[in-house]
Amino acid sequence: MFKDLENRMQKSIGALKSELASIRTGRANAALLDHVRVSYYGSEVPVSQVGNLSVPEPRMLMITPWDKSQIAVIEKAIMKSDLGLTPTSDGEVVRIMLPELTEDRRRDLVKQVKTVGEKAKVSIRNIRRDANDSVKHQVKDEGLPEDESKRLQDRVQKVTDKFIAEIDEIIEHKEAEILTV
């Protein structure tokens, strides 16, 4: 039971980390484009599947498409995304310069990070609730003693507290990363 509990909570942490990777900090990161989808020969695919992503400079992303005829489609997909970035191309590669973050934008990003962190905490708490419900059903259906039930619920709470603390640490680190000028 506890192995499954920890695995589910670990998956929530993984989802949090991948979602936070797409939130922009002051530095360029290829993960920033993970959610951008490109219409590539009739199907929607992530931009990472239409070309090579690289970070040649701290505030520049570069996409070298495998098919040069798709450059306009890639540019259009990036402009349509909610990232607020403007790509440029020279016919060979697509370059995206990341503008310097303003103080207001940094605060907005921190709020967004906190919201994402709170969603992850809710997910962890839902997993805790499911585990506690399972223990309560064992008491009712299988005759598990009450003191054993209490001990198992305390153990579930300790695991939950460990993961909540890990989420707090991840959020704190991301906030510091965003606020560093």
N, C-alpha and C. Protein backbone atom coordinates (compact mmCIF):
# COMPACT_ATOMS: atom_id res chain seq x y z
N MET A 1 0.82 -1.20 0.00
CA MET A 1 0.00 0.00 0.00
C MET A 1 0.87 1.27 0.00
N PHE A 2 1.93 1.26 0.81
CA PHE A 2 2.74 2.47 0.92
C PHE A 2 3.63 2.66 -0.30
N LYS A 3 3.99 1.57 -0.96
CA LYS A 3 4.78 1.68 -2.19
C LYS A 3 3.94 2.38 -3.26
N ASP A 4 2.67 1.96 -3.38
CA ASP A 4 1.75 2.58 -4.35
C ASP A 4 1.51 4.04 -4.00
N LEU A 5 1.33 4.32 -2.71
CA LEU A 5 1.11 5.69 -2.24
C LEU A 5 2.28 6.59 -2.63
N GLU A 6 3.49 6.13 -2.35
CA GLU A 6 4.67 6.93 -2.68
C GLU A 6 4.85 7.07 -4.19
N ASN A 7 4.55 6.01 -4.94
CA ASN A 7 4.66 6.10 -6.41
C ASN A 7 3.71 7.14 -6.97
N ARG A 8 2.47 7.14 -6.48
CA ARG A 8 1.49 8.11 -6.96
C ARG A 8 1.90 9.54 -6.59
N MET A 9 2.41 9.71 -5.38
CA MET A 9 2.84 11.04 -4.95
C MET A 9 4.07 11.48 -5.75
N GLN A 10 4.96 10.53 -6.07
CA GLN A 10 6.15 10.85 -6.85
C GLN A 10 5.75 11.29 -8.26
N LYS A 11 4.70 10.69 -8.81
CA LYS A 11 4.22 11.10 -10.13
C LYS A 11 3.67 12.53 -10.08
N SER A 12 3.04 12.90 -8.98
CA SER A 12 2.56 14.28 -8.82
C SER A 12 3.74 15.25 -8.79
N ILE A 13 4.81 14.86 -8.13
CA ILE A 13 6.02 15.70 -8.08
C ILE A 13 6.60 15.82 -9.50
N GLY A 14 6.62 14.72 -10.24
CA GLY A 14 7.13 14.74 -11.61
C GLY A 14 6.31 15.67 -12.50
N ALA A 15 4.98 15.61 -12.34
CA ALA A 15 4.10 16.49 -13.12
C ALA A 15 4.36 17.95 -12.75
N LEU A 16 4.56 18.22 -11.47
CA LEU A 16 4.87 19.58 -11.02
C LEU A 16 6.16 20.08 -11.67
N LYS A 17 7.19 19.25 -11.65
CA LYS A 17 8.48 19.66 -12.21
C LYS A 17 8.37 19.93 -13.71
N SER A 18 7.62 19.10 -14.42
CA SER A 18 7.51 19.33 -15.87
C SER A 18 6.70 20.60 -16.16
N GLU A 19 5.68 20.86 -15.34
CA GLU A 19 4.90 22.08 -15.53
C GLU A 19 5.73 23.32 -15.20
N LEU A 20 6.55 23.23 -14.16
CA LEU A 20 7.39 24.36 -13.79
C LEU A 20 8.49 24.62 -14.83
N ALA A 21 8.92 23.57 -15.51
CA ALA A 21 9.97 23.74 -16.53
C ALA A 21 9.48 24.62 -17.67
N SER A 22 8.17 24.62 -17.90
CA SER A 22 7.64 25.42 -19.00
C SER A 22 7.39 26.88 -18.60
N ILE A 23 7.54 27.19 -17.29
CA ILE A 23 7.40 28.57 -16.85
C ILE A 23 8.74 29.25 -17.01
N ARG A 24 8.73 30.37 -17.68
CA ARG A 24 9.94 31.06 -18.08
C ARG A 24 10.67 31.73 -16.92
N THR A 25 11.96 31.57 -16.89
CA THR A 25 12.79 32.33 -15.97
C THR A 25 13.60 33.30 -16.83
N GLY A 26 14.60 33.91 -16.29
CA GLY A 26 15.39 34.86 -17.05
C GLY A 26 16.28 34.22 -18.10
N ARG A 27 16.50 32.91 -17.99
CA ARG A 27 17.40 32.22 -18.91
C ARG A 27 16.60 31.40 -19.93
N ALA A 28 17.20 31.20 -21.09
CA ALA A 28 16.59 30.38 -22.13
C ALA A 28 16.67 28.92 -21.71
N ASN A 29 15.61 28.18 -22.02
CA ASN A 29 15.54 26.76 -21.69
C ASN A 29 14.68 26.11 -22.76
N ALA A 30 15.16 25.04 -23.36
CA ALA A 30 14.42 24.38 -24.44
C ALA A 30 13.07 23.86 -23.95
N ALA A 31 12.94 23.56 -22.66
CA ALA A 31 11.67 23.08 -22.11
C ALA A 31 10.58 24.13 -22.21
N LEU A 32 10.97 25.37 -22.41
CA LEU A 32 10.01 26.47 -22.56
C LEU A 32 9.06 26.22 -23.73
N LEU A 33 9.54 25.52 -24.75
CA LEU A 33 8.74 25.28 -25.95
C LEU A 33 8.03 23.92 -25.93
N ASP A 34 8.09 23.20 -24.82
CA ASP A 34 7.49 21.87 -24.76
C ASP A 34 6.00 21.85 -25.09
N HIS A 35 5.28 22.90 -24.74
CA HIS A 35 3.84 22.90 -24.95
C HIS A 35 3.43 23.50 -26.29
N VAL A 36 4.39 23.96 -27.09
CA VAL A 36 4.08 24.53 -28.40
C VAL A 36 3.89 23.39 -29.39
N ARG A 37 2.74 23.38 -30.05
CA ARG A 37 2.41 22.33 -31.02
C ARG A 37 2.46 22.93 -32.43
N VAL A 38 3.03 22.17 -33.36
CA VAL A 38 3.19 22.62 -34.73
C VAL A 38 2.39 21.70 -35.64
N SER A 39 1.68 22.30 -36.60
CA SER A 39 0.95 21.50 -37.59
C SER A 39 1.98 21.02 -38.61
N TYR A 40 2.33 19.75 -38.54
CA TYR A 40 3.41 19.19 -39.34
C TYR A 40 2.85 18.08 -40.22
N TYR A 41 2.68 18.39 -41.50
CA TYR A 41 2.12 17.44 -42.47
C TYR A 41 0.81 16.83 -41.98
N GLY A 42 -0.09 17.68 -41.50
CA GLY A 42 -1.43 17.24 -41.15
C GLY A 42 -1.64 16.79 -39.72
N SER A 43 -0.60 16.73 -38.92
CA SER A 43 -0.81 16.33 -37.52
C SER A 43 -0.11 17.32 -36.59
N GLU A 44 -0.67 17.47 -35.39
CA GLU A 44 -0.12 18.39 -34.39
C GLU A 44 0.97 17.65 -33.60
N VAL A 45 2.19 18.17 -33.67
CA VAL A 45 3.31 17.56 -32.95
C VAL A 45 4.04 18.63 -32.15
N PRO A 46 4.74 18.24 -31.08
CA PRO A 46 5.54 19.21 -30.33
C PRO A 46 6.64 19.78 -31.21
N VAL A 47 7.02 21.02 -30.96
CA VAL A 47 8.05 21.67 -31.77
C VAL A 47 9.38 20.91 -31.71
N SER A 48 9.62 20.20 -30.64
CA SER A 48 10.87 19.44 -30.52
C SER A 48 10.96 18.29 -31.51
N GLN A 49 9.81 17.91 -32.14
CA GLN A 49 9.81 16.82 -33.11
C GLN A 49 9.94 17.30 -34.55
N VAL A 50 10.04 18.61 -34.76
CA VAL A 50 10.18 19.12 -36.13
C VAL A 50 11.58 19.69 -36.37
N GLY A 51 12.39 19.72 -35.35
CA GLY A 51 13.73 20.26 -35.53
C GLY A 51 14.56 20.12 -34.27
N ASN A 52 15.79 20.55 -34.38
CA ASN A 52 16.72 20.48 -33.26
C ASN A 52 16.64 21.78 -32.45
N LEU A 53 16.38 21.66 -31.16
CA LEU A 53 16.33 22.83 -30.27
C LEU A 53 17.68 23.01 -29.60
N SER A 54 18.16 24.26 -29.58
CA SER A 54 19.42 24.52 -28.89
C SER A 54 19.36 25.88 -28.20
N VAL A 55 20.28 26.09 -27.27
CA VAL A 55 20.37 27.34 -26.53
C VAL A 55 21.78 27.89 -26.74
N PRO A 56 22.00 28.62 -27.85
CA PRO A 56 23.34 29.12 -28.15
C PRO A 56 23.81 30.25 -27.22
N GLU A 57 22.87 31.01 -26.68
CA GLU A 57 23.18 32.10 -25.76
C GLU A 57 22.22 32.04 -24.59
N PRO A 58 22.54 32.68 -23.46
CA PRO A 58 21.67 32.60 -22.28
C PRO A 58 20.24 33.08 -22.51
N ARG A 59 20.02 34.00 -23.45
CA ARG A 59 18.66 34.50 -23.67
C ARG A 59 18.18 34.25 -25.09
N MET A 60 18.68 33.18 -25.72
CA MET A 60 18.25 32.86 -27.08
C MET A 60 17.99 31.36 -27.23
N LEU A 61 16.87 31.07 -27.89
CA LEU A 61 16.57 29.69 -28.28
C LEU A 61 16.72 29.62 -29.80
N MET A 62 17.18 28.48 -30.29
CA MET A 62 17.33 28.33 -31.73
C MET A 62 16.74 26.98 -32.14
N ILE A 63 15.92 27.01 -33.19
CA ILE A 63 15.32 25.80 -33.73
C ILE A 63 15.86 25.61 -35.14
N THR A 64 16.50 24.48 -35.37
CA THR A 64 16.98 24.14 -36.71
C THR A 64 16.05 23.06 -37.24
N PRO A 65 15.08 23.45 -38.09
CA PRO A 65 14.11 22.46 -38.57
C PRO A 65 14.77 21.43 -39.50
N TRP A 66 14.25 20.21 -39.46
CA TRP A 66 14.76 19.18 -40.35
C TRP A 66 14.25 19.42 -41.77
N ASP A 67 13.09 20.04 -41.87
CA ASP A 67 12.53 20.38 -43.18
C ASP A 67 12.41 21.91 -43.24
N LYS A 68 13.25 22.55 -44.03
CA LYS A 68 13.31 24.02 -44.08
C LYS A 68 11.99 24.64 -44.53
N SER A 69 11.16 23.89 -45.26
CA SER A 69 9.89 24.45 -45.73
C SER A 69 8.90 24.66 -44.57
N GLN A 70 9.21 24.13 -43.40
CA GLN A 70 8.32 24.24 -42.24
C GLN A 70 8.63 25.44 -41.34
N ILE A 71 9.61 26.25 -41.73
CA ILE A 71 10.01 27.39 -40.89
C ILE A 71 8.84 28.33 -40.61
N ALA A 72 8.06 28.66 -41.63
CA ALA A 72 6.92 29.58 -41.44
C ALA A 72 5.88 28.98 -40.49
N VAL A 73 5.65 27.68 -40.58
CA VAL A 73 4.68 27.00 -39.72
C VAL A 73 5.16 27.03 -38.27
N ILE A 74 6.45 26.82 -38.07
CA ILE A 74 7.03 26.84 -36.72
C ILE A 74 6.91 28.24 -36.12
N GLU A 75 7.25 29.27 -36.92
CA GLU A 75 7.13 30.65 -36.44
C GLU A 75 5.69 30.97 -36.04
N LYS A 76 4.76 30.56 -36.88
CA LYS A 76 3.33 30.83 -36.62
C LYS A 76 2.88 30.16 -35.31
N ALA A 77 3.31 28.92 -35.09
CA ALA A 77 2.92 28.18 -33.88
C ALA A 77 3.48 28.87 -32.63
N ILE A 78 4.71 29.37 -32.71
CA ILE A 78 5.32 30.04 -31.55
C ILE A 78 4.59 31.35 -31.26
N MET A 79 4.23 32.09 -32.32
CA MET A 79 3.52 33.35 -32.11
C MET A 79 2.11 33.12 -31.54
N LYS A 80 1.47 32.01 -31.93
CA LYS A 80 0.12 31.71 -31.42
C LYS A 80 0.14 31.22 -29.98
N SER A 81 1.29 30.73 -29.51
CA SER A 81 1.38 30.21 -28.15
C SER A 81 1.22 31.36 -27.16
N ASP A 82 0.97 31.02 -25.90
CA ASP A 82 0.77 32.04 -24.86
C ASP A 82 2.08 32.49 -24.22
N LEU A 83 3.20 32.22 -24.89
CA LEU A 83 4.51 32.57 -24.32
C LEU A 83 4.88 34.03 -24.53
N GLY A 84 4.25 34.68 -25.50
CA GLY A 84 4.56 36.09 -25.76
C GLY A 84 5.93 36.29 -26.38
N LEU A 85 6.36 35.32 -27.19
CA LEU A 85 7.67 35.40 -27.82
C LEU A 85 7.52 35.67 -29.32
N THR A 86 8.50 36.37 -29.89
CA THR A 86 8.48 36.68 -31.31
C THR A 86 9.68 36.03 -31.98
N PRO A 87 9.44 35.01 -32.81
CA PRO A 87 10.55 34.34 -33.49
C PRO A 87 11.00 35.11 -34.73
N THR A 88 12.24 34.93 -35.11
CA THR A 88 12.76 35.47 -36.37
C THR A 88 13.48 34.33 -37.08
N SER A 89 13.53 34.41 -38.41
CA SER A 89 14.24 33.36 -39.13
C SER A 89 15.04 33.96 -40.27
N ASP A 90 16.04 33.20 -40.70
CA ASP A 90 16.85 33.62 -41.83
C ASP A 90 16.74 32.63 -42.98
N GLY A 91 15.72 31.79 -42.94
CA GLY A 91 15.53 30.79 -43.98
C GLY A 91 16.18 29.46 -43.64
N GLU A 92 17.06 29.46 -42.66
CA GLU A 92 17.74 28.22 -42.24
C GLU A 92 17.32 27.80 -40.83
N VAL A 93 17.28 28.77 -39.91
CA VAL A 93 16.95 28.49 -38.51
C VAL A 93 15.95 29.51 -37.99
N VAL A 94 15.25 29.14 -36.92
CA VAL A 94 14.34 30.06 -36.24
C VAL A 94 15.02 30.45 -34.92
N ARG A 95 15.15 31.76 -34.71
CA ARG A 95 15.76 32.25 -33.48
C ARG A 95 14.68 32.94 -32.64
N ILE A 96 14.76 32.72 -31.34
CA ILE A 96 13.81 33.36 -30.43
C ILE A 96 14.63 34.05 -29.34
N MET A 97 14.58 35.38 -29.34
CA MET A 97 15.27 36.15 -28.30
C MET A 97 14.30 36.32 -27.12
N LEU A 98 14.74 35.98 -25.94
CA LEU A 98 13.91 36.14 -24.76
C LEU A 98 14.16 37.52 -24.18
N PRO A 99 13.12 38.35 -24.11
CA PRO A 99 13.31 39.69 -23.55
C PRO A 99 13.59 39.62 -22.05
N GLU A 100 14.24 40.65 -21.56
CA GLU A 100 14.50 40.74 -20.12
C GLU A 100 13.16 40.82 -19.38
N LEU A 101 13.06 40.11 -18.28
CA LEU A 101 11.82 40.11 -17.51
C LEU A 101 11.71 41.40 -16.68
N THR A 102 10.54 42.02 -16.72
CA THR A 102 10.29 43.19 -15.88
C THR A 102 9.93 42.71 -14.47
N GLU A 103 9.98 43.63 -13.52
CA GLU A 103 9.65 43.27 -12.14
C GLU A 103 8.21 42.78 -12.03
N ASP A 104 7.28 43.45 -12.73
CA ASP A 104 5.87 43.03 -12.70
C ASP A 104 5.70 41.63 -13.28
N ARG A 105 6.39 41.38 -14.39
CA ARG A 105 6.30 40.06 -15.02
C ARG A 105 6.86 38.99 -14.10
N ARG A 106 7.94 39.30 -13.39
CA ARG A 106 8.52 38.34 -12.44
C ARG A 106 7.51 38.02 -11.33
N ARG A 107 6.81 39.05 -10.83
CA ARG A 107 5.80 38.82 -9.78
C ARG A 107 4.67 37.94 -10.31
N ASP A 108 4.24 38.21 -11.56
CA ASP A 108 3.19 37.39 -12.17
C ASP A 108 3.64 35.93 -12.30
N LEU A 109 4.89 35.74 -12.70
CA LEU A 109 5.41 34.39 -12.83
C LEU A 109 5.47 33.68 -11.48
N VAL A 110 5.84 34.42 -10.43
CA VAL A 110 5.88 33.83 -9.09
C VAL A 110 4.47 33.41 -8.67
N LYS A 111 3.47 34.24 -8.97
CA LYS A 111 2.08 33.87 -8.66
C LYS A 111 1.69 32.60 -9.40
N GLN A 112 2.10 32.53 -10.66
CA GLN A 112 1.79 31.35 -11.47
C GLN A 112 2.47 30.10 -10.87
N VAL A 113 3.70 30.25 -10.42
CA VAL A 113 4.42 29.14 -9.80
C VAL A 113 3.70 28.68 -8.53
N LYS A 114 3.26 29.64 -7.72
CA LYS A 114 2.55 29.29 -6.48
C LYS A 114 1.23 28.56 -6.80
N THR A 115 0.54 28.99 -7.84
CA THR A 115 -0.70 28.33 -8.24
C THR A 115 -0.43 26.89 -8.66
N VAL A 116 0.60 26.69 -9.45
CA VAL A 116 0.97 25.34 -9.89
C VAL A 116 1.35 24.49 -8.68
N GLY A 117 2.08 25.07 -7.74
CA GLY A 117 2.47 24.36 -6.52
C GLY A 117 1.26 23.97 -5.69
N GLU A 118 0.28 24.87 -5.60
CA GLU A 118 -0.92 24.57 -4.83
C GLU A 118 -1.71 23.42 -5.47
N LYS A 119 -1.75 23.40 -6.81
CA LYS A 119 -2.42 22.28 -7.50
C LYS A 119 -1.73 20.96 -7.18
N ALA A 120 -0.42 20.98 -7.12
CA ALA A 120 0.33 19.76 -6.80
C ALA A 120 0.03 19.32 -5.37
N LYS A 121 -0.07 20.28 -4.45
CA LYS A 121 -0.40 19.94 -3.06
C LYS A 121 -1.80 19.33 -2.96
N VAL A 122 -2.74 19.88 -3.72
CA VAL A 122 -4.10 19.34 -3.73
C VAL A 122 -4.07 17.89 -4.24
N SER A 123 -3.27 17.65 -5.26
CA SER A 123 -3.13 16.31 -5.81
C SER A 123 -2.59 15.35 -4.74
N ILE A 124 -1.58 15.78 -4.00
CA ILE A 124 -1.00 14.96 -2.93
C ILE A 124 -2.05 14.69 -1.85
N ARG A 125 -2.82 15.72 -1.50
CA ARG A 125 -3.85 15.54 -0.46
C ARG A 125 -4.95 14.58 -0.92
N ASN A 126 -5.28 14.62 -2.21
CA ASN A 126 -6.27 13.69 -2.74
C ASN A 126 -5.76 12.25 -2.66
N ILE A 127 -4.49 12.06 -2.92
CA ILE A 127 -3.90 10.73 -2.81
C ILE A 127 -3.93 10.28 -1.35
N ARG A 128 -3.65 11.20 -0.42
CA ARG A 128 -3.72 10.88 1.01
C ARG A 128 -5.14 10.46 1.39
N ARG A 129 -6.13 11.22 0.89
CA ARG A 129 -7.52 10.89 1.20
C ARG A 129 -7.87 9.48 0.70
N ASP A 130 -7.43 9.15 -0.51
CA ASP A 130 -7.69 7.82 -1.05
C ASP A 130 -7.07 6.74 -0.17
N ALA A 131 -5.84 6.97 0.28
CA ALA A 131 -5.16 5.99 1.13
C ALA A 131 -5.88 5.84 2.47
N ASN A 132 -6.30 6.96 3.06
CA ASN A 132 -7.03 6.89 4.33
C ASN A 132 -8.37 6.19 4.16
N ASP A 133 -9.05 6.43 3.04
CA ASP A 133 -10.32 5.73 2.76
C ASP A 133 -10.08 4.23 2.66
N SER A 134 -8.98 3.85 2.03
CA SER A 134 -8.64 2.44 1.89
C SER A 134 -8.44 1.81 3.27
N VAL A 135 -7.75 2.52 4.16
CA VAL A 135 -7.54 2.01 5.52
C VAL A 135 -8.87 1.87 6.25
N LYS A 136 -9.75 2.86 6.10
CA LYS A 136 -11.06 2.81 6.77
C LYS A 136 -11.90 1.64 6.25
N HIS A 137 -11.79 1.35 4.95
CA HIS A 137 -12.51 0.20 4.39
C HIS A 137 -11.96 -1.11 4.94
N GLN A 138 -10.65 -1.15 5.19
CA GLN A 138 -10.06 -2.35 5.78
C GLN A 138 -10.59 -2.57 7.19
N VAL A 139 -10.82 -1.50 7.92
CA VAL A 139 -11.37 -1.62 9.27
C VAL A 139 -12.78 -2.19 9.19
N LYS A 140 -13.57 -1.63 8.27
CA LYS A 140 -14.98 -2.03 8.16
C LYS A 140 -15.14 -3.42 7.54
N ASP A 141 -14.44 -3.68 6.44
CA ASP A 141 -14.66 -4.92 5.69
C ASP A 141 -13.80 -6.09 6.16
N GLU A 142 -12.57 -5.82 6.57
CA GLU A 142 -11.65 -6.91 6.89
C GLU A 142 -11.38 -7.03 8.39
N GLY A 143 -11.99 -6.18 9.20
CA GLY A 143 -11.82 -6.26 10.64
C GLY A 143 -10.46 -5.83 11.14
N LEU A 144 -9.84 -4.88 10.45
CA LEU A 144 -8.55 -4.33 10.90
C LEU A 144 -8.79 -3.61 12.23
N PRO A 145 -7.96 -3.86 13.25
CA PRO A 145 -8.16 -3.20 14.55
C PRO A 145 -8.02 -1.67 14.44
N GLU A 146 -8.75 -0.96 15.29
CA GLU A 146 -8.76 0.50 15.27
C GLU A 146 -7.37 1.10 15.51
N ASP A 147 -6.62 0.52 16.46
CA ASP A 147 -5.29 1.08 16.75
C ASP A 147 -4.34 0.88 15.57
N GLU A 148 -4.49 -0.23 14.85
CA GLU A 148 -3.69 -0.46 13.64
C GLU A 148 -4.09 0.54 12.56
N SER A 149 -5.39 0.82 12.46
CA SER A 149 -5.89 1.80 11.50
C SER A 149 -5.30 3.17 11.78
N LYS A 150 -5.28 3.56 13.05
CA LYS A 150 -4.73 4.85 13.45
C LYS A 150 -3.24 4.93 13.11
N ARG A 151 -2.52 3.83 13.36
CA ARG A 151 -1.08 3.79 13.07
C ARG A 151 -0.84 3.93 11.56
N LEU A 152 -1.64 3.25 10.75
CA LEU A 152 -1.49 3.34 9.29
C LEU A 152 -1.82 4.76 8.79
N GLN A 153 -2.85 5.36 9.35
CA GLN A 153 -3.21 6.72 8.94
C GLN A 153 -2.12 7.72 9.33
N ASP A 154 -1.49 7.51 10.50
CA ASP A 154 -0.37 8.38 10.90
C ASP A 154 0.79 8.22 9.93
N ARG A 155 1.03 6.99 9.50
CA ARG A 155 2.12 6.74 8.55
C ARG A 155 1.82 7.40 7.19
N VAL A 156 0.56 7.33 6.76
CA VAL A 156 0.14 7.99 5.51
C VAL A 156 0.38 9.50 5.63
N GLN A 157 0.06 10.06 6.81
CA GLN A 157 0.24 11.50 7.02
C GLN A 157 1.73 11.87 6.96
N LYS A 158 2.60 11.02 7.52
CA LYS A 158 4.03 11.30 7.48
C LYS A 158 4.55 11.31 6.05
N VAL A 159 4.09 10.36 5.24
CA VAL A 159 4.50 10.32 3.82
C VAL A 159 3.99 11.58 3.11
N THR A 160 2.74 11.95 3.41
CA THR A 160 2.15 13.15 2.80
C THR A 160 2.96 14.39 3.18
N ASP A 161 3.31 14.52 4.46
CA ASP A 161 4.08 15.67 4.93
C ASP A 161 5.43 15.75 4.22
N LYS A 162 6.05 14.59 3.98
CA LYS A 162 7.34 14.56 3.30
C LYS A 162 7.21 15.12 1.88
N PHE A 163 6.16 14.71 1.17
CA PHE A 163 5.97 15.17 -0.21
C PHE A 163 5.54 16.64 -0.27
N ILE A 164 4.73 17.07 0.67
CA ILE A 164 4.34 18.49 0.72
C ILE A 164 5.58 19.35 0.95
N ALA A 165 6.47 18.90 1.84
CA ALA A 165 7.71 19.65 2.09
C ALA A 165 8.57 19.69 0.83
N GLU A 166 8.60 18.59 0.07
CA GLU A 166 9.36 18.55 -1.18
C GLU A 166 8.78 19.55 -2.20
N ILE A 167 7.46 19.63 -2.26
CA ILE A 167 6.81 20.60 -3.16
C ILE A 167 7.17 22.02 -2.74
N ASP A 168 7.11 22.31 -1.44
CA ASP A 168 7.47 23.64 -0.94
C ASP A 168 8.90 24.00 -1.34
N GLU A 169 9.80 23.02 -1.23
CA GLU A 169 11.20 23.26 -1.58
C GLU A 169 11.36 23.54 -3.08
N ILE A 170 10.66 22.79 -3.91
CA ILE A 170 10.72 22.98 -5.37
C ILE A 170 10.19 24.36 -5.73
N ILE A 171 9.07 24.75 -5.13
CA ILE A 171 8.45 26.05 -5.41
C ILE A 171 9.39 27.18 -4.97
N GLU A 172 9.96 27.03 -3.78
CA GLU A 172 10.87 28.05 -3.26
C GLU A 172 12.08 28.23 -4.19
N HIS A 173 12.61 27.13 -4.68
CA HIS A 173 13.75 27.18 -5.60
C HIS A 173 13.37 27.87 -6.91
N LYS A 174 12.19 27.55 -7.44
CA LYS A 174 11.75 28.16 -8.70
C LYS A 174 11.51 29.66 -8.51
N GLU A 175 10.93 30.06 -7.38
CA GLU A 175 10.71 31.48 -7.10
C GLU A 175 12.04 32.24 -7.06
N ALA A 176 13.02 31.65 -6.38
CA ALA A 176 14.33 32.30 -6.30
C ALA A 176 14.94 32.42 -7.70
N GLU A 177 14.76 31.41 -8.52
CA GLU A 177 15.27 31.42 -9.89
C GLU A 177 14.62 32.54 -10.70
N ILE A 178 13.33 32.73 -10.52
CA ILE A 178 12.60 33.76 -11.26
C ILE A 178 12.99 35.17 -10.77
N LEU A 179 13.12 35.33 -9.48
CA LEU A 179 13.38 36.65 -8.92
C LEU A 179 14.84 37.09 -9.02
N THR A 180 15.73 36.16 -9.36
CA THR A 180 17.14 36.52 -9.54
C THR A 180 17.30 37.31 -10.83
N VAL A 181 17.84 38.51 -10.70
CA VAL A 181 17.98 39.39 -11.88
C VAL A 181 19.31 39.14 -12.54
